[in-house]
C-alpha atoms as a PDB file:
ATOM      1  CA  MET A   1     116.357 108.852 113.035  1.00  0.00           C
ATOM      2  CA  PRO A   2     114.922 107.223 109.884  1.00  0.00           C
ATOM      3  CA  ARG A   3     111.539 108.501 108.757  1.00  0.00           C
ATOM      4  CA  ARG A   4     108.779 106.015 109.457  1.00  0.00           C
ATOM      5  CA  MET A   5     106.242 104.782 106.945  1.00  0.00           C
ATOM      6  CA  ARG A   6     102.694 104.198 108.147  1.00  0.00           C
ATOM      7  CA  LEU A   7     100.802 101.480 106.303  1.00  0.00           C
ATOM      8  CA  VAL A   8      97.120 100.660 106.775  1.00  0.00           C
ATOM      9  CA  THR A   9      95.256  97.609 105.488  1.00  0.00           C
ATOM     10  CA  TRP A  10      91.466  97.567 105.606  1.00  0.00           C
ATOM     11  CA  ASN A  11      88.579  95.613 104.150  1.00  0.00           C
ATOM     12  CA  ILE A  12      86.405  98.661 103.617  1.00  0.00           C
ATOM     13  CA  ASN A  13      83.382  96.732 102.278  1.00  0.00           C
ATOM     14  CA  SER A  14      82.516  99.239  99.493  1.00  0.00           C
ATOM     15  CA  LEU A  15      84.814 102.184  98.881  1.00  0.00           C
ATOM     16  CA  ARG A  16      82.179 104.506  97.457  1.00  0.00           C
ATOM     17  CA  LEU A  17      79.771 103.825 100.321  1.00  0.00           C
ATOM     18  CA  ARG A  18      82.450 104.325 102.964  1.00  0.00           C
ATOM     19  CA  LEU A  19      84.599 107.036 101.422  1.00  0.00           C
ATOM     20  CA  PRO A  20      83.687 109.323 104.378  1.00  0.00           C
ATOM     21  CA  LEU A  21      85.068 106.662 106.739  1.00  0.00           C
ATOM     22  CA  LEU A  22      88.288 106.508 104.738  1.00  0.00           C
ATOM     23  CA  GLU A  23      88.521 110.287 105.125  1.00  0.00           C
ATOM     24  CA  LYS A  24      88.022 109.904 108.880  1.00  0.00           C
ATOM     25  CA  LEU A  25      90.715 107.230 109.033  1.00  0.00           C
ATOM     26  CA  VAL A  26      93.195 109.378 107.109  1.00  0.00           C
ATOM     27  CA  ARG A  27      92.458 112.411 109.247  1.00  0.00           C
ATOM     28  CA  HIS A  28      93.088 110.480 112.477  1.00  0.00           C
ATOM     29  CA  LEU A  29      96.027 108.296 111.452  1.00  0.00           C
ATOM     30  CA  ALA A  30      97.786 110.136 108.596  1.00  0.00           C
ATOM     31  CA  PRO A  31      98.916 106.972 106.769  1.00  0.00           C
ATOM     32  CA  ASP A  32     101.443 107.050 103.938  1.00  0.00           C
ATOM     33  CA  VAL A  33      99.946 104.022 102.200  1.00  0.00           C
ATOM     34  CA  VAL A  34      96.496 102.439 102.455  1.00  0.00           C
ATOM     35  CA  CYS A  35      95.649  98.991 101.088  1.00  0.00           C
ATOM     36  CA  LEU A  36      91.947  98.338 100.656  1.00  0.00           C
ATOM     37  CA  GLN A  37      89.983  95.171 100.007  1.00  0.00           C
ATOM     38  CA  GLU A  38      86.382  94.655  98.891  1.00  0.00           C
ATOM     39  CA  THR A  39      86.288  98.024  97.170  1.00  0.00           C
ATOM     40  CA  LYS A  40      83.316  96.755  95.099  1.00  0.00           C
ATOM     41  CA  VAL A  41      83.818  99.300  92.323  1.00  0.00           C
ATOM     42  CA  PRO A  42      84.677  98.742  88.642  1.00  0.00           C
ATOM     43  CA  ASP A  43      87.782 100.615  87.521  1.00  0.00           C
ATOM     44  CA  PRO A  44      85.966 103.260  85.402  1.00  0.00           C
ATOM     45  CA  LEU A  45      83.930 104.287  88.466  1.00  0.00           C
ATOM     46  CA  PHE A  46      86.791 104.311  90.980  1.00  0.00           C
ATOM     47  CA  PRO A  47      86.487 107.592  92.974  1.00  0.00           C
ATOM     48  CA  GLU A  48      89.947 108.890  92.050  1.00  0.00           C
ATOM     49  CA  ASP A  49      89.147 112.536  92.740  1.00  0.00           C
ATOM     50  CA  GLY A  50      87.839 111.788  96.232  1.00  0.00           C
ATOM     51  CA  VAL A  51      90.816 109.596  97.086  1.00  0.00           C
ATOM     52  CA  LYS A  52      93.383 112.028  95.689  1.00  0.00           C
ATOM     53  CA  ALA A  53      91.774 114.806  97.713  1.00  0.00           C
ATOM     54  CA  LEU A  54      92.868 112.850 100.800  1.00  0.00           C
ATOM     55  CA  GLY A  55      96.495 113.171  99.732  1.00  0.00           C
ATOM     56  CA  PHE A  56      97.005 109.947  97.783  1.00  0.00           C
ATOM     57  CA  GLU A  57      98.254 111.013  94.364  1.00  0.00           C
ATOM     58  CA  HIS A  58      99.472 107.544  93.433  1.00  0.00           C
ATOM     59  CA  LEU A  59      96.913 104.791  92.925  1.00  0.00           C
ATOM     60  CA  HIS A  60      96.966 101.204  91.726  1.00  0.00           C
ATOM     61  CA  TYR A  61      93.695  99.273  91.762  1.00  0.00           C
ATOM     62  CA  ARG A  62      91.675  96.480  90.219  1.00  0.00           C
ATOM     63  CA  GLY A  63      87.948  96.293  90.704  1.00  0.00           C
ATOM     64  CA  MET A  64      84.670  94.897  89.480  1.00  0.00           C
ATOM     65  CA  LYS A  65      80.999  95.659  89.928  1.00  0.00           C
ATOM     66  CA  GLY A  66      79.568  94.722  93.293  1.00  0.00           C
ATOM     67  CA  TYR A  67      82.237  92.231  94.393  1.00  0.00           C
ATOM     68  CA  ASN A  68      85.846  91.931  95.517  1.00  0.00           C
ATOM     69  CA  GLY A  69      88.278  94.646  94.386  1.00  0.00           C
ATOM     70  CA  VAL A  70      91.637  95.732  95.798  1.00  0.00           C
ATOM     71  CA  ALA A  71      93.455  99.061  95.800  1.00  0.00           C
ATOM     72  CA  ILE A  72      96.749 100.596  96.898  1.00  0.00           C
ATOM     73  CA  LEU A  73      96.618 104.312  97.763  1.00  0.00           C
ATOM     74  CA  SER A  74      99.983 105.981  98.264  1.00  0.00           C
ATOM     75  CA  ARG A  75     101.559 109.343  98.956  1.00  0.00           C
ATOM     76  CA  HIS A  76     104.708 107.966  97.291  1.00  0.00           C
ATOM     77  CA  PRO A  77     105.122 106.955  93.634  1.00  0.00           C
ATOM     78  CA  LEU A  78     104.105 103.410  92.740  1.00  0.00           C
ATOM     79  CA  LYS A  79     105.604 101.022  90.197  1.00  0.00           C
ATOM     80  CA  PRO A  80     102.947  98.389  89.447  1.00  0.00           C
ATOM     81  CA  VAL A  81     103.993  94.750  89.632  1.00  0.00           C
ATOM     82  CA  THR A  82     102.388  93.524  86.429  1.00  0.00           C
ATOM     83  CA  GLN A  83     103.622  89.940  86.072  1.00  0.00           C
ATOM     84  CA  THR A  84     101.131  88.374  88.474  1.00  0.00           C
ATOM     85  CA  PRO A  85      99.135  85.231  87.670  1.00  0.00           C
ATOM     86  CA  VAL A  86      95.405  84.960  87.105  1.00  0.00           C
ATOM     87  CA  TRP A  87      94.678  83.064  90.298  1.00  0.00           C
ATOM     88  CA  TYR A  88      92.502  79.977  89.852  1.00  0.00           C
ATOM     89  CA  GLY A  89      91.896  81.080  86.271  1.00  0.00           C
ATOM     90  CA  LYS A  90      89.521  83.819  87.443  1.00  0.00           C
ATOM     91  CA  GLU A  91      89.818  87.524  86.721  1.00  0.00           C
ATOM     92  CA  ASP A  92      88.065  88.392  89.974  1.00  0.00           C
ATOM     93  CA  CYS A  93      90.224  91.253  91.243  1.00  0.00           C
ATOM     94  CA  ARG A  94      91.694  89.717  94.383  1.00  0.00           C
ATOM     95  CA  HIS A  95      95.343  90.806  94.138  1.00  0.00           C
ATOM     96  CA  VAL A  96      97.189  93.966  93.270  1.00  0.00           C
ATOM     97  CA  ALA A  97     100.882  94.668  93.807  1.00  0.00           C
ATOM     98  CA  ALA A  98     103.283  97.582  93.417  1.00  0.00           C
ATOM     99  CA  THR A  99     106.687  98.817  94.484  1.00  0.00           C
ATOM    100  CA  VAL A 100     106.344 101.825  96.785  1.00  0.00           C
ATOM    101  CA  CYS A 101     109.108 104.278  95.914  1.00  0.00           C
ATOM    102  CA  ALA A 102     109.681 106.325  99.061  1.00  0.00           C
ATOM    103  CA  PRO A 103     112.654 108.721  99.411  1.00  0.00           C
ATOM    104  CA  GLU A 104     114.184 106.400 102.020  1.00  0.00           C
ATOM    105  CA  GLY A 105     113.971 103.327  99.811  1.00  0.00           C
ATOM    106  CA  GLU A 106     111.659 100.938  98.017  1.00  0.00           C
ATOM    107  CA  VAL A 107     109.406  98.152  99.260  1.00  0.00           C
ATOM    108  CA  GLU A 108     107.340  95.660  97.275  1.00  0.00           C
ATOM    109  CA  LEU A 109     103.754  95.608  98.485  1.00  0.00           C
ATOM    110  CA  HIS A 110     101.107  92.959  97.800  1.00  0.00           C
ATOM    111  CA  ASP A 111      97.436  93.491  98.650  1.00  0.00           C
ATOM    112  CA  PHE A 112      95.235  90.354  98.737  1.00  0.00           C
ATOM    113  CA  TYR A 113      91.575  89.571  99.191  1.00  0.00           C
ATOM    114  CA  ILE A 114      91.375  85.793  99.568  1.00  0.00           C
ATOM    115  CA  PRO A 115      88.072  84.031  98.790  1.00  0.00           C
ATOM    116  CA  ALA A 116      85.833  83.608 101.824  1.00  0.00           C
ATOM    117  CA  GLY A 117      85.087  79.989 100.957  1.00  0.00           C
ATOM    118  CA  GLY A 118      81.358  79.704 101.566  1.00  0.00           C
ATOM    119  CA  ASP A 119      79.792  77.875 104.499  1.00  0.00           C
ATOM    120  CA  GLU A 120      80.624  74.193 104.071  1.00  0.00           C
ATOM    121  CA  PRO A 121      84.300  73.244 104.643  1.00  0.00           C
ATOM    122  CA  ASP A 122      84.261  70.463 102.059  1.00  0.00           C
ATOM    123  CA  PRO A 123      85.931  71.057  98.672  1.00  0.00           C
ATOM    124  CA  GLU A 124      84.061  68.085  97.198  1.00  0.00           C
ATOM    125  CA  THR A 125      80.628  69.593  97.790  1.00  0.00           C
ATOM    126  CA  ASN A 126      81.446  73.319  98.025  1.00  0.00           C
ATOM    127  CA  PRO A 127      83.112  74.890  94.959  1.00  0.00           C
ATOM    128  CA  LYS A 128      83.773  78.099  96.904  1.00  0.00           C
ATOM    129  CA  PHE A 129      85.824  76.224  99.491  1.00  0.00           C
ATOM    130  CA  ALA A 130      87.703  74.391  96.741  1.00  0.00           C
ATOM    131  CA  HIS A 131      88.441  77.776  95.143  1.00  0.00           C
ATOM    132  CA  LYS A 132      89.791  79.110  98.428  1.00  0.00           C
ATOM    133  CA  LEU A 133      92.130  76.185  99.051  1.00  0.00           C
ATOM    134  CA  ALA A 134      93.420  76.156  95.476  1.00  0.00           C
ATOM    135  CA  PHE A 135      93.933  79.927  95.529  1.00  0.00           C
ATOM    136  CA  ILE A 136      96.212  79.671  98.578  1.00  0.00           C
ATOM    137  CA  GLU A 137      98.111  76.755  97.065  1.00  0.00           C
ATOM    138  CA  GLU A 138      98.745  78.681  93.833  1.00  0.00           C
ATOM    139  CA  VAL A 139      99.857  81.802  95.691  1.00  0.00           C
ATOM    140  CA  THR A 140     102.190  79.742  97.884  1.00  0.00           C
ATOM    141  CA  GLU A 141     103.799  78.111  94.858  1.00  0.00           C
ATOM    142  CA  TRP A 142     104.248  81.499  93.184  1.00  0.00           C
ATOM    143  CA  PHE A 143     105.955  83.080  96.189  1.00  0.00           C
ATOM    144  CA  GLN A 144     108.190  80.047  96.610  1.00  0.00           C
ATOM    145  CA  SER A 145     109.536  80.712  93.113  1.00  0.00           C
ATOM    146  CA  ARG A 146     110.316  84.405  93.763  1.00  0.00           C
ATOM    147  CA  PRO A 147     113.331  86.011  95.427  1.00  0.00           C
ATOM    148  CA  LEU A 148     111.866  87.650  98.509  1.00  0.00           C
ATOM    149  CA  ASN A 149     113.360  90.736 100.103  1.00  0.00           C
ATOM    150  CA  ARG A 150     111.934  94.057 101.294  1.00  0.00           C
ATOM    151  CA  THR A 151     108.433  92.721 100.696  1.00  0.00           C
ATOM    152  CA  VAL A 152     105.209  93.379 102.587  1.00  0.00           C
ATOM    153  CA  LEU A 153     102.067  91.327 102.112  1.00  0.00           C
ATOM    154  CA  VAL A 154      98.743  92.522 103.519  1.00  0.00           C
ATOM    155  CA  GLY A 155      95.044  92.001 103.161  1.00  0.00           C
ATOM    156  CA  ASP A 156      91.892  90.212 104.155  1.00  0.00           C
ATOM    157  CA  PHE A 157      92.980  86.582 104.056  1.00  0.00           C
ATOM    158  CA  ASN A 158      89.622  85.311 105.381  1.00  0.00           C
ATOM    159  CA  ILE A 159      91.529  82.899 107.627  1.00  0.00           C
ATOM    160  CA  ALA A 160      92.188  83.115 111.358  1.00  0.00           C
ATOM    161  CA  PRO A 161      95.154  80.742 111.632  1.00  0.00           C
ATOM    162  CA  LEU A 162      95.993  80.616 115.350  1.00  0.00           C
ATOM    163  CA  GLU A 163      94.049  79.351 118.343  1.00  0.00           C
ATOM    164  CA  HIS A 164      93.725  82.852 119.798  1.00  0.00           C
ATOM    165  CA  ASP A 165      92.828  84.431 116.459  1.00  0.00           C
ATOM    166  CA  VAL A 166      89.249  83.326 117.145  1.00  0.00           C
ATOM    167  CA  TRP A 167      86.902  83.694 120.106  1.00  0.00           C
ATOM    168  CA  SER A 168      86.579  79.911 120.506  1.00  0.00           C
ATOM    169  CA  HIS A 169      89.132  77.582 118.949  1.00  0.00           C
ATOM    170  CA  LYS A 170      87.091  74.497 119.852  1.00  0.00           C
ATOM    171  CA  GLN A 171      83.777  75.780 118.489  1.00  0.00           C
ATOM    172  CA  LEU A 172      85.231  77.181 115.254  1.00  0.00           C
ATOM    173  CA  LEU A 173      87.435  74.260 114.186  1.00  0.00           C
ATOM    174  CA  LYS A 174      84.750  73.161 111.725  1.00  0.00           C
ATOM    175  CA  ILE A 175      83.738  76.689 110.713  1.00  0.00           C
ATOM    176  CA  VAL A 176      85.151  78.105 107.472  1.00  0.00           C
ATOM    177  CA  SER A 177      88.011  80.532 108.266  1.00  0.00           C
ATOM    178  CA  HIS A 178      89.496  78.394 111.062  1.00  0.00           C
ATOM    179  CA  THR A 179      89.464  74.836 109.710  1.00  0.00           C
ATOM    180  CA  PRO A 180      92.742  72.869 109.544  1.00  0.00           C
ATOM    181  CA  PRO A 181      92.790  72.694 105.710  1.00  0.00           C
ATOM    182  CA  GLU A 182      92.792  76.511 105.626  1.00  0.00           C
ATOM    183  CA  THR A 183      95.112  77.227 108.536  1.00  0.00           C
ATOM    184  CA  GLU A 184      97.677  74.631 107.449  1.00  0.00           C
ATOM    185  CA  ARG A 185      97.802  76.057 103.930  1.00  0.00           C
ATOM    186  CA  LEU A 186      98.082  79.622 105.183  1.00  0.00           C
ATOM    187  CA  ASN A 187     100.971  78.617 107.423  1.00  0.00           C
ATOM    188  CA  ARG A 188     102.776  77.020 104.471  1.00  0.00           C
ATOM    189  CA  TRP A 189     102.356  80.280 102.572  1.00  0.00           C
ATOM    190  CA  LEU A 190     103.754  82.236 105.527  1.00  0.00           C
ATOM    191  CA  GLN A 191     106.763  79.926 105.560  1.00  0.00           C
ATOM    192  CA  THR A 192     107.714  80.851 101.986  1.00  0.00           C
ATOM    193  CA  GLY A 193     109.684  83.730 103.511  1.00  0.00           C
ATOM    194  CA  PHE A 194     107.506  85.933 105.696  1.00  0.00           C
ATOM    195  CA  VAL A 195     107.011  86.906 109.326  1.00  0.00           C
ATOM    196  CA  ASP A 196     103.624  87.617 110.918  1.00  0.00           C
ATOM    197  CA  ALA A 197     104.086  91.296 111.777  1.00  0.00           C
ATOM    198  CA  MET A 198     100.974  91.521 113.962  1.00  0.00           C
ATOM    199  CA  ARG A 199     102.043  88.622 116.153  1.00  0.00           C
ATOM    200  CA  HIS A 200     105.489  90.201 116.395  1.00  0.00           C
ATOM    201  CA  PHE A 201     103.830  92.645 118.812  1.00  0.00           C
ATOM    202  CA  VAL A 202     101.018  90.540 120.270  1.00  0.00           C
ATOM    203  CA  PRO A 203     102.067  87.084 121.553  1.00  0.00           C
ATOM    204  CA  ALA A 204     100.324  84.065 120.063  1.00  0.00           C
ATOM    205  CA  ASP A 205      98.697  83.225 123.406  1.00  0.00           C
ATOM    206  CA  GLU A 206      96.805  86.559 123.488  1.00  0.00           C
ATOM    207  CA  LYS A 207      93.494  87.154 121.753  1.00  0.00           C
ATOM    208  CA  LEU A 208      93.718  89.322 118.639  1.00  0.00           C
ATOM    209  CA  TYR A 209      90.772  90.091 116.334  1.00  0.00           C
ATOM    210  CA  THR A 210      90.124  92.339 113.316  1.00  0.00           C
ATOM    211  CA  TRP A 211      86.583  91.273 112.371  1.00  0.00           C
ATOM    212  CA  TRP A 212      83.259  91.094 114.199  1.00  0.00           C
ATOM    213  CA  SER A 213      80.124  89.870 112.440  1.00  0.00           C
ATOM    214  CA  TYR A 214      77.267  92.233 111.680  1.00  0.00           C
ATOM    215  CA  ARG A 215      75.068  89.591 113.347  1.00  0.00           C
ATOM    216  CA  ASN A 216      76.492  90.512 116.762  1.00  0.00           C
ATOM    217  CA  ARG A 217      74.148  93.160 118.116  1.00  0.00           C
ATOM    218  CA  ASP A 218      76.657  94.191 120.765  1.00  0.00           C
ATOM    219  CA  TRP A 219      80.003  93.252 119.266  1.00  0.00           C
ATOM    220  CA  LYS A 220      81.969  94.601 122.218  1.00  0.00           C
ATOM    221  CA  LYS A 221      80.003  92.671 124.809  1.00  0.00           C
ATOM    222  CA  SER A 222      80.025  89.345 122.971  1.00  0.00           C
ATOM    223  CA  ASN A 223      83.514  89.942 121.478  1.00  0.00           C
ATOM    224  CA  ARG A 224      83.134  86.979 119.148  1.00  0.00           C
ATOM    225  CA  GLY A 225      85.842  88.145 116.818  1.00  0.00           C
ATOM    226  CA  ARG A 226      88.326  86.641 114.396  1.00  0.00           C
ATOM    227  CA  ARG A 227      91.675  87.847 113.035  1.00  0.00           C
ATOM    228  CA  LEU A 228      91.005  87.678 109.301  1.00  0.00           C
ATOM    229  CA  ASP A 229      93.232  90.613 108.309  1.00  0.00           C
ATOM    230  CA  HIS A 230      96.986  90.198 108.209  1.00  0.00           C
ATOM    231  CA  VAL A 231     100.321  91.946 107.687  1.00  0.00           C
ATOM    232  CA  TRP A 232     103.356  89.875 106.726  1.00  0.00           C
ATOM    233  CA  MET A 233     106.895  91.087 106.117  1.00  0.00           C
ATOM    234  CA  THR A 234     110.144  89.569 104.948  1.00  0.00           C
ATOM    235  CA  PRO A 235     112.650  89.150 107.813  1.00  0.00           C
ATOM    236  CA  ASP A 236     114.950  91.875 106.455  1.00  0.00           C
ATOM    237  CA  LEU A 237     112.287  94.461 107.368  1.00  0.00           C
ATOM    238  CA  LEU A 238     111.657  93.139 110.854  1.00  0.00           C
ATOM    239  CA  PRO A 239     114.373  95.245 112.585  1.00  0.00           C
ATOM    240  CA  ASN A 240     112.670  98.328 111.092  1.00  0.00           C
ATOM    241  CA  LEU A 241     109.218  97.442 112.422  1.00  0.00           C
ATOM    242  CA  HIS A 242     108.179  99.986 115.048  1.00  0.00           C
ATOM    243  CA  GLY A 243     104.534  99.434 115.920  1.00  0.00           C
ATOM    244  CA  MET A 244     101.160  97.856 115.149  1.00  0.00           C
ATOM    245  CA  THR A 245      97.631  98.927 115.996  1.00  0.00           C
ATOM    246  CA  VAL A 246      94.234  97.334 115.417  1.00  0.00           C
ATOM    247  CA  VAL A 247      91.820 100.270 115.116  1.00  0.00           C
ATOM    248  CA  ARG A 248      88.969  98.665 117.080  1.00  0.00           C
ATOM    249  CA  GLU A 249      87.050 101.933 117.438  1.00  0.00           C
ATOM    250  CA  ALA A 250      86.357 101.880 113.692  1.00  0.00           C
ATOM    251  CA  ARG A 251      83.850  99.067 114.300  1.00  0.00           C
ATOM    252  CA  ASP A 252      81.677 101.661 116.064  1.00  0.00           C
ATOM    253  CA  TRP A 253      81.793 104.261 113.289  1.00  0.00           C
ATOM    254  CA  GLU A 254      78.552 105.094 111.519  1.00  0.00           C
ATOM    255  CA  SER A 255      77.692 102.368 108.959  1.00  0.00           C
ATOM    256  CA  PRO A 256      80.985 100.569 109.616  1.00  0.00           C
ATOM    257  CA  SER A 257      82.684  97.750 107.798  1.00  0.00           C
ATOM    258  CA  ASP A 258      82.656  94.484 109.719  1.00  0.00           C
ATOM    259  CA  HIS A 259      86.472  94.598 109.492  1.00  0.00           C
ATOM    260  CA  VAL A 260      88.605  97.224 111.222  1.00  0.00           C
ATOM    261  CA  PRO A 261      91.833  98.768 109.892  1.00  0.00           C
ATOM    262  CA  VAL A 262      95.240  97.461 110.900  1.00  0.00           C
ATOM    263  CA  VAL A 263      98.145  99.927 111.115  1.00  0.00           C
ATOM    264  CA  VAL A 264     101.860  99.118 110.978  1.00  0.00           C
ATOM    265  CA  ASP A 265     104.725 101.571 111.292  1.00  0.00           C
ATOM    266  CA  PHE A 266     108.143 100.735 109.863  1.00  0.00           C
ATOM    267  CA  SER A 267     111.144 102.411 108.313  1.00  0.00           C
ATOM    268  CA  LEU A 268     112.856 101.676 105.028  1.00  0.00           C
ATOM    269  CA  SER A 269     116.371 102.821 105.914  1.00  0.00           C
ATOM    270  CA  ASP A 270     118.663 101.644 108.695  1.00  0.00           C
END
């Protein structure tokens, strides 16, 4: 039986603040690779020693002070993918990519943190929303121009594309993260050669969330969630996809992120 790889994606909302929660996650789930978003740490201050102590000897990250930041933590060697564009002309640390070199084979892994887009879903009056839409368009064009195989794309996309990716489709249609301009663009990106790995296990007519606002005093009771975090795979990996878990209990950890980790298990050999 082929050895399985366990991959976790998580918007940790400050790596240094929540390093103990990362340790808890690793202890409970024993992932092979962890992709983080919103690390909020400039590269010289990245806590390499603390992360390597968790078993991740191979790191590839891009970060800045106080905002954004993405990181790939791996037990397997990494070959950085260096020829990536400067999205929207901004060096704001929203994408990092590497080839994971496991004994069973290689897989290209992309970790994204897409702009949130502000509050007003109008690109004419809201530069943040314009940035978000243009970012997705640029990424879509770039992936359309690449040969895609054995590729995994994960991250906080800040978009809940499907009706049951939000607690109320009707009430959120004009709320940034679920508006048609965002969801239509995200779907076009998906169609460049990927499959929604989370919805491979959970049908589109079932509710599925990965984020609950800090404003919800009792997030479980209100359950006003959104699926902002995603895992996509190229179709050639789909037969090797074994399982997916949304780690909801992480929302109740001490000083939690408002996002919870998503776990996928897959193999790299037939």
